[in-house]
């Protein structure tokens, strides 16, 4: 299993995070805020987010599953898996994880191999 910590590269590409930002702005901002701070939805950036997801026990697939099956709140599962992966790439970028040349794939098998570590 891979461990992703601050400074690791290759989790997503800059282009993918940019696509994810556009999707986030369209589908997620109303609940999670323009800076991913939460309200009324859960925060997707910062200490609260990192303490929950970057605990060394959750895989990227755990987060991907929540995003793709429960979001957007009013229309869960509305987006394509690739779009959910793009949003996840944006969330990683905002939380300080470094981009690489490869895109984060919308593959459960791959995402299960990456665990976010505490920073």
N, C-alpha and C. Protein backbone atom coordinates (compact mmCIF):
# COMPACT_ATOMS: atom_id res chain seq x y z
N UNK A 1 0.85 -1.17 0.00
CA UNK A 1 0.00 0.00 0.00
C UNK A 1 0.89 1.23 0.00
N UNK A 2 0.57 2.19 -0.82
CA UNK A 2 1.31 3.44 -0.88
C UNK A 2 0.84 4.38 0.21
N UNK A 3 1.76 5.15 0.73
CA UNK A 3 1.40 6.17 1.73
C UNK A 3 1.65 7.53 1.12
N UNK A 4 0.64 8.35 1.10
CA UNK A 4 0.76 9.68 0.54
C UNK A 4 0.90 10.69 1.66
N UNK A 5 2.00 11.40 1.66
CA UNK A 5 2.22 12.45 2.64
C UNK A 5 2.56 13.73 1.91
N UNK A 6 2.57 14.82 2.63
CA UNK A 6 2.91 16.10 2.03
C UNK A 6 4.26 15.97 1.36
N UNK A 7 4.37 16.46 0.15
CA UNK A 7 5.62 16.38 -0.59
C UNK A 7 5.67 15.21 -1.55
N UNK A 8 4.81 14.20 -1.38
CA UNK A 8 4.76 13.10 -2.34
C UNK A 8 4.27 13.66 -3.67
N UNK A 9 4.71 13.07 -4.74
CA UNK A 9 4.23 13.53 -6.03
C UNK A 9 3.55 12.39 -6.76
N UNK A 10 2.76 12.76 -7.71
CA UNK A 10 2.18 11.75 -8.57
C UNK A 10 0.79 11.29 -8.25
N UNK A 11 0.14 11.87 -7.26
CA UNK A 11 -1.22 11.41 -6.95
C UNK A 11 -2.23 11.86 -8.00
N UNK A 12 -2.00 13.01 -8.60
CA UNK A 12 -2.92 13.59 -9.58
C UNK A 12 -2.12 14.54 -10.45
N UNK A 13 -2.71 15.00 -11.53
CA UNK A 13 -2.04 15.99 -12.37
C UNK A 13 -2.65 17.37 -12.12
N UNK A 14 -1.90 18.41 -12.46
CA UNK A 14 -2.41 19.79 -12.32
C UNK A 14 -3.66 19.99 -13.18
N UNK A 15 -3.64 19.46 -14.41
CA UNK A 15 -4.81 19.59 -15.28
C UNK A 15 -6.04 18.94 -14.65
N UNK A 16 -5.84 17.78 -14.04
CA UNK A 16 -6.95 17.09 -13.41
C UNK A 16 -7.49 17.91 -12.23
N UNK A 17 -6.61 18.47 -11.42
CA UNK A 17 -7.05 19.29 -10.29
C UNK A 17 -7.80 20.53 -10.77
N UNK A 18 -7.38 21.09 -11.88
CA UNK A 18 -8.09 22.25 -12.44
C UNK A 18 -9.50 21.86 -12.90
N UNK A 19 -9.62 20.70 -13.56
CA UNK A 19 -10.96 20.21 -13.92
C UNK A 19 -11.78 19.99 -12.66
N UNK A 20 -11.16 19.42 -11.65
CA UNK A 20 -11.84 19.17 -10.38
C UNK A 20 -12.29 20.45 -9.71
N UNK A 21 -11.48 21.49 -9.80
CA UNK A 21 -11.87 22.78 -9.22
C UNK A 21 -13.13 23.32 -9.89
N UNK A 22 -13.17 23.24 -11.21
CA UNK A 22 -14.36 23.70 -11.93
C UNK A 22 -15.61 22.91 -11.53
N UNK A 23 -15.46 21.60 -11.41
CA UNK A 23 -16.58 20.75 -11.00
C UNK A 23 -16.98 21.06 -9.56
N UNK A 24 -15.98 21.24 -8.70
CA UNK A 24 -16.25 21.57 -7.31
C UNK A 24 -17.07 22.86 -7.23
N UNK A 25 -16.64 23.87 -7.96
CA UNK A 25 -17.34 25.16 -7.94
C UNK A 25 -18.79 25.00 -8.40
N UNK A 26 -19.02 24.12 -9.36
CA UNK A 26 -20.36 23.92 -9.90
C UNK A 26 -21.25 23.09 -8.98
N UNK A 27 -20.69 22.03 -8.39
CA UNK A 27 -21.53 21.06 -7.68
C UNK A 27 -21.34 21.01 -6.16
N UNK A 28 -20.26 21.58 -5.63
CA UNK A 28 -19.93 21.34 -4.22
C UNK A 28 -19.90 22.59 -3.34
N UNK A 29 -19.66 23.74 -3.93
CA UNK A 29 -19.46 24.96 -3.17
C UNK A 29 -20.64 25.30 -2.26
N UNK A 30 -21.86 25.07 -2.71
CA UNK A 30 -23.02 25.47 -1.92
C UNK A 30 -23.06 24.78 -0.56
N UNK A 31 -22.51 23.58 -0.45
CA UNK A 31 -22.51 22.87 0.84
C UNK A 31 -21.14 22.90 1.53
N UNK A 32 -20.07 22.84 0.76
CA UNK A 32 -18.74 22.72 1.35
C UNK A 32 -17.95 24.02 1.35
N UNK A 33 -18.51 25.08 0.79
CA UNK A 33 -17.88 26.39 0.83
C UNK A 33 -16.86 26.62 -0.27
N UNK A 34 -16.60 27.87 -0.60
CA UNK A 34 -15.68 28.19 -1.69
C UNK A 34 -14.23 27.81 -1.40
N UNK A 35 -13.89 27.70 -0.12
CA UNK A 35 -12.52 27.32 0.25
C UNK A 35 -12.48 25.93 0.89
N UNK A 36 -13.51 25.12 0.62
CA UNK A 36 -13.64 23.75 1.12
C UNK A 36 -13.73 23.70 2.64
N UNK A 37 -14.16 24.82 3.25
CA UNK A 37 -14.18 24.95 4.71
C UNK A 37 -15.38 24.28 5.38
N UNK A 38 -16.36 23.85 4.59
CA UNK A 38 -17.56 23.24 5.16
C UNK A 38 -18.58 24.30 5.52
N UNK A 39 -19.77 23.90 5.80
CA UNK A 39 -20.87 24.75 6.21
C UNK A 39 -21.87 24.91 5.09
N UNK A 40 -22.90 24.16 5.11
CA UNK A 40 -23.29 23.22 6.15
C UNK A 40 -22.63 21.84 6.02
N UNK A 41 -22.03 21.54 4.88
CA UNK A 41 -21.39 20.23 4.70
C UNK A 41 -20.09 20.12 5.46
N UNK A 42 -19.54 18.93 5.48
CA UNK A 42 -18.27 18.67 6.16
C UNK A 42 -17.13 19.42 5.47
N UNK A 43 -16.14 19.86 6.23
CA UNK A 43 -14.98 20.49 5.61
C UNK A 43 -14.18 19.49 4.79
N UNK A 44 -13.68 19.95 3.65
CA UNK A 44 -12.87 19.11 2.78
C UNK A 44 -11.42 19.57 2.74
N UNK A 45 -11.08 20.48 3.64
CA UNK A 45 -9.70 20.96 3.75
C UNK A 45 -9.44 21.38 5.18
N UNK A 46 -8.17 21.41 5.54
CA UNK A 46 -7.80 21.89 6.86
C UNK A 46 -7.69 20.79 7.90
N UNK A 47 -7.51 21.22 9.13
CA UNK A 47 -7.22 20.30 10.23
C UNK A 47 -8.31 19.26 10.46
N UNK A 48 -9.57 19.67 10.41
CA UNK A 48 -10.66 18.72 10.65
C UNK A 48 -10.67 17.63 9.58
N UNK A 49 -10.54 18.05 8.33
CA UNK A 49 -10.51 17.09 7.23
C UNK A 49 -9.32 16.15 7.37
N UNK A 50 -8.13 16.71 7.60
CA UNK A 50 -6.92 15.90 7.68
C UNK A 50 -6.94 14.95 8.87
N UNK A 51 -7.51 15.38 9.99
CA UNK A 51 -7.55 14.48 11.15
C UNK A 51 -8.45 13.28 10.88
N UNK A 52 -9.43 13.45 10.03
CA UNK A 52 -10.32 12.33 9.70
C UNK A 52 -9.75 11.44 8.60
N UNK A 53 -9.22 12.03 7.53
CA UNK A 53 -8.86 11.26 6.35
C UNK A 53 -7.36 10.96 6.25
N UNK A 54 -6.51 11.78 6.81
CA UNK A 54 -5.06 11.54 6.73
C UNK A 54 -4.58 10.95 8.05
N UNK A 55 -5.23 9.89 8.45
CA UNK A 55 -4.92 9.26 9.73
C UNK A 55 -4.11 7.98 9.57
N UNK A 56 -3.69 7.69 8.35
CA UNK A 56 -2.92 6.48 8.10
C UNK A 56 -3.76 5.22 8.04
N UNK A 57 -5.07 5.35 8.18
CA UNK A 57 -5.95 4.19 8.16
C UNK A 57 -6.95 4.22 7.02
N UNK A 58 -7.24 5.39 6.48
CA UNK A 58 -8.20 5.51 5.38
C UNK A 58 -7.47 5.55 4.04
N UNK A 59 -8.03 4.86 3.08
CA UNK A 59 -7.47 4.90 1.74
C UNK A 59 -8.18 5.99 0.94
N UNK A 60 -7.59 6.35 -0.18
CA UNK A 60 -8.27 7.29 -1.07
C UNK A 60 -9.59 6.71 -1.56
N UNK A 61 -9.67 5.40 -1.65
CA UNK A 61 -10.92 4.79 -2.07
C UNK A 61 -12.03 5.00 -1.05
N UNK A 62 -11.69 5.04 0.23
CA UNK A 62 -12.71 5.31 1.26
C UNK A 62 -13.36 6.67 1.00
N UNK A 63 -12.54 7.67 0.74
CA UNK A 63 -13.05 9.01 0.46
C UNK A 63 -13.76 9.06 -0.89
N UNK A 64 -13.19 8.42 -1.89
CA UNK A 64 -13.79 8.37 -3.23
C UNK A 64 -15.18 7.73 -3.16
N UNK A 65 -15.32 6.68 -2.37
CA UNK A 65 -16.62 6.01 -2.22
C UNK A 65 -17.67 6.97 -1.65
N UNK A 66 -17.31 7.70 -0.61
CA UNK A 66 -18.24 8.66 0.00
C UNK A 66 -18.64 9.72 -1.03
N UNK A 67 -17.65 10.26 -1.72
CA UNK A 67 -17.92 11.32 -2.69
C UNK A 67 -18.83 10.83 -3.81
N UNK A 68 -18.51 9.68 -4.38
CA UNK A 68 -19.25 9.23 -5.56
C UNK A 68 -20.61 8.62 -5.25
N UNK A 69 -20.82 8.17 -4.03
CA UNK A 69 -22.13 7.58 -3.71
C UNK A 69 -23.07 8.53 -2.98
N UNK A 70 -22.54 9.57 -2.35
CA UNK A 70 -23.39 10.47 -1.57
C UNK A 70 -23.47 11.91 -2.09
N UNK A 71 -22.65 12.24 -3.06
CA UNK A 71 -22.58 13.62 -3.54
C UNK A 71 -22.92 13.72 -5.02
N UNK A 72 -23.40 14.85 -5.48
CA UNK A 72 -23.85 15.98 -4.68
C UNK A 72 -25.05 15.60 -3.83
N UNK A 73 -25.18 16.28 -2.72
CA UNK A 73 -26.19 15.93 -1.72
C UNK A 73 -27.58 15.77 -2.32
N UNK A 74 -27.97 16.68 -3.19
CA UNK A 74 -29.33 16.63 -3.75
C UNK A 74 -29.47 15.67 -4.93
N UNK A 75 -28.35 15.18 -5.47
CA UNK A 75 -28.38 14.23 -6.60
C UNK A 75 -27.21 13.27 -6.53
N UNK A 76 -27.15 12.40 -5.52
CA UNK A 76 -26.01 11.51 -5.37
C UNK A 76 -25.78 10.65 -6.61
N UNK A 77 -24.52 10.49 -6.96
CA UNK A 77 -24.15 9.66 -8.11
C UNK A 77 -24.38 10.30 -9.46
N UNK A 78 -24.67 11.59 -9.49
CA UNK A 78 -24.99 12.29 -10.74
C UNK A 78 -23.81 12.38 -11.69
N UNK A 79 -22.62 12.49 -11.15
CA UNK A 79 -21.44 12.70 -11.99
C UNK A 79 -20.82 11.37 -12.42
N UNK A 80 -19.99 11.45 -13.44
CA UNK A 80 -19.24 10.27 -13.90
C UNK A 80 -18.10 10.00 -12.91
N UNK A 81 -17.66 8.75 -12.85
CA UNK A 81 -16.56 8.40 -11.94
C UNK A 81 -15.33 9.27 -12.19
N UNK A 82 -15.03 9.57 -13.44
CA UNK A 82 -13.87 10.41 -13.74
C UNK A 82 -14.05 11.80 -13.14
N UNK A 83 -15.25 12.33 -13.17
CA UNK A 83 -15.50 13.65 -12.59
C UNK A 83 -15.30 13.62 -11.08
N UNK A 84 -15.73 12.56 -10.43
CA UNK A 84 -15.49 12.42 -8.99
C UNK A 84 -14.00 12.33 -8.70
N UNK A 85 -13.25 11.61 -9.53
CA UNK A 85 -11.80 11.53 -9.34
C UNK A 85 -11.15 12.89 -9.52
N UNK A 86 -11.66 13.68 -10.47
CA UNK A 86 -11.14 15.04 -10.68
C UNK A 86 -11.39 15.91 -9.45
N UNK A 87 -12.57 15.81 -8.86
CA UNK A 87 -12.87 16.56 -7.65
C UNK A 87 -11.95 16.12 -6.51
N UNK A 88 -11.73 14.82 -6.38
CA UNK A 88 -10.82 14.31 -5.37
C UNK A 88 -9.41 14.86 -5.58
N UNK A 89 -8.98 14.96 -6.83
CA UNK A 89 -7.66 15.54 -7.13
C UNK A 89 -7.60 16.98 -6.64
N UNK A 90 -8.66 17.73 -6.85
CA UNK A 90 -8.71 19.12 -6.37
C UNK A 90 -8.65 19.17 -4.84
N UNK A 91 -9.36 18.29 -4.17
CA UNK A 91 -9.33 18.23 -2.71
C UNK A 91 -7.90 17.93 -2.23
N UNK A 92 -7.23 17.02 -2.89
CA UNK A 92 -5.84 16.71 -2.53
C UNK A 92 -4.95 17.92 -2.71
N UNK A 93 -5.13 18.62 -3.81
CA UNK A 93 -4.31 19.81 -4.08
C UNK A 93 -4.51 20.86 -3.00
N UNK A 94 -5.75 21.15 -2.67
CA UNK A 94 -6.04 22.17 -1.65
C UNK A 94 -5.43 21.77 -0.30
N UNK A 95 -5.32 20.48 -0.04
CA UNK A 95 -4.76 20.00 1.22
C UNK A 95 -3.24 19.83 1.18
N UNK A 96 -2.61 20.32 0.12
CA UNK A 96 -1.16 20.36 0.09
C UNK A 96 -0.45 19.16 -0.50
N UNK A 97 -1.18 18.24 -1.09
CA UNK A 97 -0.54 17.10 -1.74
C UNK A 97 -0.07 17.53 -3.13
N UNK A 98 1.09 17.09 -3.50
CA UNK A 98 1.76 17.55 -4.71
C UNK A 98 1.26 16.82 -5.95
N UNK A 99 1.16 17.57 -7.03
CA UNK A 99 0.78 17.00 -8.33
C UNK A 99 1.97 16.30 -8.96
N UNK A 100 1.66 15.42 -9.87
CA UNK A 100 2.66 14.74 -10.67
C UNK A 100 2.23 14.75 -12.12
N UNK A 101 2.73 13.84 -12.89
CA UNK A 101 2.39 13.81 -14.31
C UNK A 101 1.18 12.92 -14.60
N UNK A 102 0.90 11.98 -13.73
CA UNK A 102 -0.21 11.04 -13.96
C UNK A 102 -1.48 11.53 -13.27
N UNK A 103 -2.61 11.20 -13.87
CA UNK A 103 -3.89 11.54 -13.26
C UNK A 103 -4.29 10.49 -12.23
N UNK A 104 -5.05 10.93 -11.25
CA UNK A 104 -5.64 10.03 -10.28
C UNK A 104 -6.74 9.26 -11.00
N UNK A 105 -6.64 7.94 -11.07
CA UNK A 105 -7.65 7.19 -11.81
C UNK A 105 -8.91 6.95 -10.98
N UNK A 106 -10.04 6.82 -11.65
CA UNK A 106 -11.29 6.52 -10.94
C UNK A 106 -11.44 5.02 -10.70
N UNK A 107 -10.37 4.40 -10.25
CA UNK A 107 -10.31 2.95 -10.08
C UNK A 107 -10.24 2.58 -8.61
N UNK A 108 -11.25 1.87 -8.14
CA UNK A 108 -11.27 1.43 -6.75
C UNK A 108 -10.02 0.62 -6.42
N UNK A 109 -9.61 -0.27 -7.31
CA UNK A 109 -8.45 -1.11 -7.06
C UNK A 109 -7.19 -0.27 -6.84
N UNK A 110 -7.01 0.77 -7.62
CA UNK A 110 -5.84 1.64 -7.48
C UNK A 110 -5.97 2.50 -6.23
N UNK A 111 -7.12 3.12 -6.04
CA UNK A 111 -7.30 4.03 -4.91
C UNK A 111 -7.21 3.33 -3.57
N UNK A 112 -7.49 2.04 -3.52
CA UNK A 112 -7.35 1.27 -2.29
C UNK A 112 -5.89 1.10 -1.90
N UNK A 113 -4.97 1.35 -2.83
CA UNK A 113 -3.56 1.17 -2.53
C UNK A 113 -2.90 2.43 -1.98
N UNK A 114 -3.66 3.52 -1.86
CA UNK A 114 -3.08 4.79 -1.40
C UNK A 114 -3.73 5.19 -0.08
N UNK A 115 -2.91 5.34 0.95
CA UNK A 115 -3.35 5.78 2.26
C UNK A 115 -2.78 7.15 2.54
N UNK A 116 -3.63 8.08 2.92
CA UNK A 116 -3.15 9.41 3.29
C UNK A 116 -2.59 9.35 4.72
N UNK A 117 -1.39 9.85 4.87
CA UNK A 117 -0.72 9.84 6.16
C UNK A 117 -0.84 11.19 6.86
N UNK A 118 -0.78 11.18 8.19
CA UNK A 118 -0.77 12.45 8.91
C UNK A 118 0.45 13.27 8.52
N UNK A 119 0.29 14.59 8.59
CA UNK A 119 1.42 15.44 8.25
C UNK A 119 1.95 16.13 9.47
